[in-house]
Amino acid sequence: MLQLLLTDPVAWGSVLGILIMVIMSAYYIYMFVHNSADDNK
């Protein structure tokens, strides 16, 4: 299973897409929390 994942470009595309979505989501959540904290001061 792991060997197939490491050698399959389609699997790498899926993993990369999911990773990008997670990073973008975390960034937007961080920005939202950061801006909300600044507005409350």
PDB file of N, CA and C in Angstrom:
ATOM      1  N   MET A   1       0.829  -1.207   0.000  1.00  0.00           N
ATOM      2  CA  MET A   1       0.000   0.000   0.000  1.00  0.00           C
ATOM      3  C   MET A   1       0.863   1.255   0.000  1.00  0.00           C
ATOM      4  N   LEU A   2       1.822   1.308   0.912  1.00  0.00           N
ATOM      5  CA  LEU A   2       2.693   2.485   0.979  1.00  0.00           C
ATOM      6  C   LEU A   2       3.567   2.581  -0.269  1.00  0.00           C
ATOM      7  N   GLN A   3       4.045   1.445  -0.759  1.00  0.00           N
ATOM      8  CA  GLN A   3       4.864   1.436  -1.973  1.00  0.00           C
ATOM      9  C   GLN A   3       4.066   1.945  -3.165  1.00  0.00           C
ATOM     10  N   LEU A   4       2.793   1.545  -3.263  1.00  0.00           N
ATOM     11  CA  LEU A   4       1.935   2.010  -4.347  1.00  0.00           C
ATOM     12  C   LEU A   4       1.711   3.520  -4.237  1.00  0.00           C
ATOM     13  N   LEU A   5       1.525   3.998  -3.020  1.00  0.00           N
ATOM     14  CA  LEU A   5       1.303   5.426  -2.811  1.00  0.00           C
ATOM     15  C   LEU A   5       2.528   6.240  -3.218  1.00  0.00           C
ATOM     16  N   LEU A   6       3.715   5.715  -2.937  1.00  0.00           N
ATOM     17  CA  LEU A   6       4.941   6.454  -3.235  1.00  0.00           C
ATOM     18  C   LEU A   6       5.274   6.462  -4.723  1.00  0.00           C
ATOM     19  N   THR A   7       4.770   5.467  -5.485  1.00  0.00           N
ATOM     20  CA  THR A   7       5.141   5.374  -6.888  1.00  0.00           C
ATOM     21  C   THR A   7       4.021   5.809  -7.823  1.00  0.00           C
ATOM     22  N   ASP A   8       2.827   6.115  -7.301  1.00  0.00           N
ATOM     23  CA  ASP A   8       1.685   6.467  -8.150  1.00  0.00           C
ATOM     24  C   ASP A   8       1.516   7.983  -8.227  1.00  0.00           C
ATOM     25  N   PRO A   9       1.721   8.587  -9.400  1.00  0.00           N
ATOM     26  CA  PRO A   9       1.594  10.045  -9.515  1.00  0.00           C
ATOM     27  C   PRO A   9       0.182  10.535  -9.250  1.00  0.00           C
ATOM     28  N   VAL A  10      -0.835   9.721  -9.532  1.00  0.00           N
ATOM     29  CA  VAL A  10      -2.215  10.127  -9.252  1.00  0.00           C
ATOM     30  C   VAL A  10      -2.429  10.258  -7.753  1.00  0.00           C
ATOM     31  N   ALA A  11      -1.863   9.321  -6.988  1.00  0.00           N
ATOM     32  CA  ALA A  11      -1.966   9.386  -5.532  1.00  0.00           C
ATOM     33  C   ALA A  11      -1.227  10.613  -5.000  1.00  0.00           C
ATOM     34  N   TRP A  12      -0.070  10.916  -5.580  1.00  0.00           N
ATOM     35  CA  TRP A  12       0.677  12.098  -5.160  1.00  0.00           C
ATOM     36  C   TRP A  12      -0.121  13.364  -5.440  1.00  0.00           C
ATOM     37  N   GLY A  13      -0.832  13.406  -6.576  1.00  0.00           N
ATOM     38  CA  GLY A  13      -1.676  14.562  -6.889  1.00  0.00           C
ATOM     39  C   GLY A  13      -2.778  14.730  -5.867  1.00  0.00           C
ATOM     40  N   SER A  14      -3.396  13.618  -5.468  1.00  0.00           N
ATOM     41  CA  SER A  14      -4.460  13.684  -4.466  1.00  0.00           C
ATOM     42  C   SER A  14      -3.911  14.146  -3.122  1.00  0.00           C
ATOM     43  N   VAL A  15      -2.789  13.593  -2.718  1.00  0.00           N
ATOM     44  CA  VAL A  15      -2.180  13.974  -1.443  1.00  0.00           C
ATOM     45  C   VAL A  15      -1.787  15.446  -1.472  1.00  0.00           C
ATOM     46  N   LEU A  16      -1.218  15.903  -2.572  1.00  0.00           N
ATOM     47  CA  LEU A  16      -0.806  17.305  -2.686  1.00  0.00           C
ATOM     48  C   LEU A  16      -2.023  18.220  -2.639  1.00  0.00           C
ATOM     49  N   GLY A  17      -3.090  17.850  -3.327  1.00  0.00           N
ATOM     50  CA  GLY A  17      -4.314  18.658  -3.307  1.00  0.00           C
ATOM     51  C   GLY A  17      -4.905  18.748  -1.914  1.00  0.00           C
ATOM     52  N   ILE A  18      -4.963  17.623  -1.211  1.00  0.00           N
ATOM     53  CA  ILE A  18      -5.497  17.622   0.156  1.00  0.00           C
ATOM     54  C   ILE A  18      -4.606  18.462   1.070  1.00  0.00           C
ATOM     55  N   LEU A  19      -3.308  18.336   0.913  1.00  0.00           N
ATOM     56  CA  LEU A  19      -2.368  19.094   1.740  1.00  0.00           C
ATOM     57  C   LEU A  19      -2.532  20.595   1.512  1.00  0.00           C
ATOM     58  N   ILE A  20      -2.677  21.012   0.254  1.00  0.00           N
ATOM     59  CA  ILE A  20      -2.873  22.426  -0.062  1.00  0.00           C
ATOM     60  C   ILE A  20      -4.181  22.930   0.555  1.00  0.00           C
ATOM     61  N   MET A  21      -5.244  22.133   0.466  1.00  0.00           N
ATOM     62  CA  MET A  21      -6.526  22.539   1.047  1.00  0.00           C
ATOM     63  C   MET A  21      -6.418  22.696   2.555  1.00  0.00           C
ATOM     64  N   VAL A  22      -5.720  21.767   3.217  1.00  0.00           N
ATOM     65  CA  VAL A  22      -5.558  21.845   4.673  1.00  0.00           C
ATOM     66  C   VAL A  22      -4.753  23.082   5.062  1.00  0.00           C
ATOM     67  N   ILE A  23      -3.665  23.348   4.329  1.00  0.00           N
ATOM     68  CA  ILE A  23      -2.823  24.515   4.631  1.00  0.00           C
ATOM     69  C   ILE A  23      -3.610  25.808   4.421  1.00  0.00           C
ATOM     70  N   MET A  24      -4.351  25.905   3.320  1.00  0.00           N
ATOM     71  CA  MET A  24      -5.148  27.109   3.069  1.00  0.00           C
ATOM     72  C   MET A  24      -6.224  27.292   4.137  1.00  0.00           C
ATOM     73  N   SER A  25      -6.873  26.201   4.533  1.00  0.00           N
ATOM     74  CA  SER A  25      -7.909  26.290   5.565  1.00  0.00           C
ATOM     75  C   SER A  25      -7.303  26.767   6.886  1.00  0.00           C
ATOM     76  N   ALA A  26      -6.176  26.202   7.259  1.00  0.00           N
ATOM     77  CA  ALA A  26      -5.521  26.602   8.503  1.00  0.00           C
ATOM     78  C   ALA A  26      -5.107  28.070   8.442  1.00  0.00           C
ATOM     79  N   TYR A  27      -4.626  28.539   7.287  1.00  0.00           N
ATOM     80  CA  TYR A  27      -4.213  29.927   7.126  1.00  0.00           C
ATOM     81  C   TYR A  27      -5.398  30.875   7.267  1.00  0.00           C
ATOM     82  N   TYR A  28      -6.515  30.537   6.611  1.00  0.00           N
ATOM     83  CA  TYR A  28      -7.693  31.398   6.695  1.00  0.00           C
ATOM     84  C   TYR A  28      -8.268  31.402   8.105  1.00  0.00           C
ATOM     85  N   ILE A  29      -8.270  30.259   8.786  1.00  0.00           N
ATOM     86  CA  ILE A  29      -8.748  30.206  10.176  1.00  0.00           C
ATOM     87  C   ILE A  29      -7.844  31.058  11.067  1.00  0.00           C
ATOM     88  N   TYR A  30      -6.545  30.972  10.854  1.00  0.00           N
ATOM     89  CA  TYR A  30      -5.603  31.774  11.635  1.00  0.00           C
ATOM     90  C   TYR A  30      -5.834  33.265  11.406  1.00  0.00           C
ATOM     91  N   MET A  31      -5.996  33.654  10.143  1.00  0.00           N
ATOM     92  CA  MET A  31      -6.242  35.063   9.835  1.00  0.00           C
ATOM     93  C   MET A  31      -7.553  35.540  10.449  1.00  0.00           C
ATOM     94  N   PHE A  32      -8.600  34.707  10.379  1.00  0.00           N
ATOM     95  CA  PHE A  32      -9.894  35.076  10.939  1.00  0.00           C
ATOM     96  C   PHE A  32      -9.795  35.272  12.453  1.00  0.00           C
ATOM     97  N   VAL A  33      -9.143  34.341  13.129  1.00  0.00           N
ATOM     98  CA  VAL A  33      -8.992  34.448  14.592  1.00  0.00           C
ATOM     99  C   VAL A  33      -8.125  35.647  14.945  1.00  0.00           C
ATOM    100  N   HIS A  34      -7.063  35.860  14.204  1.00  0.00           N
ATOM    101  CA  HIS A  34      -6.155  36.969  14.474  1.00  0.00           C
ATOM    102  C   HIS A  34      -6.871  38.299  14.285  1.00  0.00           C
ATOM    103  N   ASN A  35      -7.633  38.449  13.197  1.00  0.00           N
ATOM    104  CA  ASN A  35      -8.353  39.700  12.952  1.00  0.00           C
ATOM    105  C   ASN A  35      -9.470  39.894  13.969  1.00  0.00           C
ATOM    106  N   SER A  36     -10.138  38.833  14.371  1.00  0.00           N
ATOM    107  CA  SER A  36     -11.202  38.959  15.366  1.00  0.00           C
ATOM    108  C   SER A  36     -10.618  39.391  16.712  1.00  0.00           C
ATOM    109  N   ALA A  37      -9.466  38.873  17.057  1.00  0.00           N
ATOM    110  CA  ALA A  37      -8.822  39.247  18.317  1.00  0.00           C
ATOM    111  C   ALA A  37      -8.427  40.722  18.281  1.00  0.00           C
ATOM    112  N   ASP A  38      -7.951  41.211  17.140  1.00  0.00           N
ATOM    113  CA  ASP A  38      -7.567  42.626  17.035  1.00  0.00           C
ATOM    114  C   ASP A  38      -8.793  43.529  17.123  1.00  0.00           C
ATOM    115  N   ASP A  39      -9.927  43.102  16.563  1.00  0.00           N
ATOM    116  CA  ASP A  39     -11.135  43.919  16.581  1.00  0.00           C
ATOM    117  C   ASP A  39     -11.700  44.043  17.994  1.00  0.00           C
ATOM    118  N   ASN A  40     -11.506  43.042  18.822  1.00  0.00           N
ATOM    119  CA  ASN A  40     -12.067  43.061  20.164  1.00  0.00           C
ATOM    120  C   ASN A  40     -11.290  43.965  21.117  1.00  0.00           C
ATOM    121  N   LYS A  41     -10.087  44.352  20.759  1.00  0.00           N
ATOM    122  CA  LYS A  41      -9.275  45.184  21.663  1.00  0.00           C
ATOM    123  C   LYS A  41      -9.763  46.628  21.683  1.00  0.00           C
TER     124      LYS A  41
END
